[in-house]
Amino acid sequence: MESLEKGDVVDEHLNVYGVEGLKVADSSIVIKMVGANIYSTALLVKEKATEIILKELMGL
């Protein structure tokens, strides 16, 4: 992820800047669009989001 100064709305843990307790995990967080179907990218976002959320819930 980039940074708030560069126009991003989420950090590396998918937290929305300025909103406590809200995460965004969809294709809208992808900075540069791929030149193919977005499905593969959406699956990668989902996998990473699952990993991040599980780590936070388990306290890792």
Protein backbone atom coordinates (compact mmCIF):
# COMPACT_ATOMS: atom_id res chain seq x y z
CA MET A 1 0.00 0.00 0.00
CA GLU A 2 1.05 3.57 -0.51
CA SER A 3 0.44 6.24 2.08
CA LEU A 4 -2.25 8.71 3.03
CA GLU A 5 -0.11 11.49 1.57
CA LYS A 6 -0.13 9.70 -1.79
CA GLY A 7 -3.91 9.38 -1.83
CA ASP A 8 -4.50 5.94 -0.34
CA VAL A 9 -7.48 5.34 1.92
CA VAL A 10 -6.20 2.18 3.68
CA ASP A 11 -2.95 1.26 5.41
CA GLU A 12 -0.98 -1.99 5.09
CA HIS A 13 -3.38 -3.68 7.53
CA LEU A 14 -6.43 -2.63 5.45
CA ASN A 15 -7.53 -0.10 8.09
CA VAL A 16 -9.31 2.93 6.65
CA TYR A 17 -7.44 6.13 7.53
CA GLY A 18 -9.41 8.25 10.00
CA VAL A 19 -12.03 5.58 10.81
CA GLU A 20 -11.39 3.33 13.79
CA GLY A 21 -12.37 -0.33 13.43
CA LEU A 22 -13.12 -0.30 9.70
CA LYS A 23 -11.22 -2.38 7.16
CA VAL A 24 -11.68 -2.46 3.39
CA ALA A 25 -10.81 -5.64 1.53
CA ASP A 26 -12.00 -5.38 -2.04
CA SER A 27 -10.57 -4.50 -5.43
CA SER A 28 -10.90 -0.77 -4.77
CA ILE A 29 -7.67 -0.84 -2.72
CA VAL A 30 -5.57 -1.85 -5.73
CA ILE A 31 -3.53 1.17 -6.77
CA LYS A 32 -2.69 0.15 -10.31
CA MET A 33 -5.16 -1.87 -12.30
CA VAL A 34 -3.92 -5.01 -13.97
CA GLY A 35 -4.17 -5.47 -17.71
CA ALA A 36 -6.31 -8.58 -17.36
CA ASN A 37 -9.42 -9.78 -15.59
CA ILE A 38 -9.64 -8.40 -12.03
CA TYR A 39 -10.76 -11.78 -10.62
CA SER A 40 -7.22 -12.99 -9.85
CA THR A 41 -6.34 -9.74 -8.14
CA ALA A 42 -9.54 -9.86 -6.08
CA LEU A 43 -8.66 -13.37 -4.91
CA LEU A 44 -5.21 -12.19 -3.82
CA VAL A 45 -6.75 -9.30 -1.88
CA LYS A 46 -9.13 -11.74 -0.18
CA GLU A 47 -6.31 -14.11 0.77
CA LYS A 48 -4.19 -11.30 2.22
CA ALA A 49 -7.19 -9.83 4.08
CA THR A 50 -7.95 -13.23 5.59
CA GLU A 51 -4.36 -13.55 6.77
CA ILE A 52 -4.32 -10.04 8.27
CA ILE A 53 -7.65 -10.44 10.08
CA LEU A 54 -6.83 -13.88 11.47
CA LYS A 55 -3.49 -12.62 12.81
CA GLU A 56 -5.23 -9.70 14.52
CA LEU A 57 -7.95 -11.88 16.02
CA MET A 58 -5.45 -14.45 17.28
CA GLY A 59 -3.12 -11.77 18.65
CA LEU A 60 -0.14 -12.76 16.52
